[in-house]
Amino acid sequence: MTGSLNPDRSEWDVIVVGAGPAGETAAFSATRFSGLDAVIVEPELVGGECPFWACVPSKALLAPVHLLSTGQDLGGVRELLADRHLDVDGVLNRRDAIVDYFDDGRQVNTVLDRGVDVIRGRGRVRGEKTVSVDGRTLRARHAVVVATGSTPDLPDLPGLRRSRPWFSRDVTAVQEIPRRLLVLGGGLVACESATWLRALGAVQITMVVRSNRLLAQQEPFAGEVVAESLRASGVDVRFGQAVQRVDRSTVNDTGVGRIHGGPVTVTLDSGQTLTVDEVLVGAGRRPAADGLGLPDGFGVDEHMTVDGMPWLYAVGDVSGESYLTHIGKYQGRIAGEVIAARAAGRPLDDAPFNRHTDRVRGRAVPQVVFTDPEVGTAGLTEAAARRQDHAVETVEVDLSNLSGGRVRREHYRGRAKLVVDRRTDTLLGATFVGTDVAELTHAATVAIAAGIPTSALRHAVGSFPTLSEVWSYLLEALDTKRMAAVGG
């Protein structure tokens, strides 16, 4: 069974508005074993933000940075690479190939091959189980799923909008490397972008961060290590400062990833002015819900149903629960299984994803920031766990002497931390900072989602010499801390 592109019909079992990973997953999960049919409505590229302008291109740009950095810190390789720089054209060409040169033909074929139809256009919910697409009316027999993602926040600063600054799409689809750049913000987009742009030849990068640290939602040491690394590479990281106004006399519509005009004058709240070639806004994101016909201030329940409306679902960034692709896909699976179960009259608790939803939402969420070094997290930070009134117990270890790190780099630096609920002896959160720590997050996610006691985790032996051995060191440190407390 295959789907159709822009089919001449008006009714399906399921209508999905938005063709990003969350929307695709919802459509596939709803139709996979149920016999239901579905259509996805998308005005831009099928596949959404992630494969073209977010996760995939950003990691494609960062991978060469990581390899060069690691090679320059390895004896036998360092001698070959000590004074070498990245081949900018080579890095950008590889990025373009990985994003299929911004052509969504492959993604469209994947959707159609799985029996789901695709309509090019902008969808809007017009009423119960009704969606309009550029004047065309579609009706769903069972459900409408909204999966329209998110858009960058634009701070309300004088002159900023008129100056036509860069956002995340510009920096992941970069075609011209600004010689001088001001980065507004200290979160994931700001930190990752500063990492690769500096490595690709940006001479002067200034990060203006209103708070007192980078990655403010993570453990403090994570932001400290990333800030130290960025500064060591030549990035000027300024905390406790804000932009007062932005002035640009010449603004051009040069296209995504190209410098949008003449020099930009940025005035800080200290009164200092900076002249840069471009401004990158990395100040967070918000749900792309405007004009979709969704209820004002809507929320979703454990089934991803909008405000108790059993036919309307919101998944991914637009739900407001998370701005992570993998969580959007998880939500898409939940919604798809609920839709299929409701259509067949089956109890919702029979669906495996729904039996465990409460263990994941807000608890076992993993995230990786692919800076140099990487930051990998799962679950709650210590501060978040305390806000939720858990009986918090923490333990930290330095990774500099870990054999799995020393074989990777001459000067491996990193840190790991566990947050444990003392009452239940289960893991609440984990943070890892260091080269190649991204893969450590899944083990922590499994432990949190499954509620595995730390006493049981001691029997999950990490392979030597790999970074996974850090688990043994963390749990031994936890034992030592507990014994010291008892002895005291």
Foldseek 3Di string as FASTA:
>chain_A
DFAEEADPDFEFQEEEEAQALLSLLLQCLQCVPQVGAYEYEEQFARHPCCLQQPVQLLVLLLVVLLVLVLQCFDPVRVVVRVPPADPLVVSLVSSCVSSVVRHRPVNQRVSRRSRYYYYHFHWADDDFQWIDGPNGIHGHNFAYEYEHAWDDDDDPAAPPVVQPFAERRQLSNADDQWLAEEEEEQELSRLSSLQSSLRSHNNEYEYEYQAAFHNVQAPRVQRVVSVVVSVVSPYHYDYNKDWRHKDDPFAAPPDRNDQGTQWMWTAIPVRDIDITSGYYYPHGIAAPCPRRHADPPWAADLLQATPPPRRYGYAERNNVQDNDSVRRSLSSSSNSLSRSCVVVVHDSCVDVSSVQSVLARQFFDWDWRVHAWIKIKTAHDPVRCVVVVAQWDKFKDWCQPQQQQCVSGVGWGKMKMWIARPVLQATRMMMITTHPCHVVSVVNSVRSSVRPHLVVVCPVDDDPRHPNNVSNVRSVRVVVVVVVVVVD
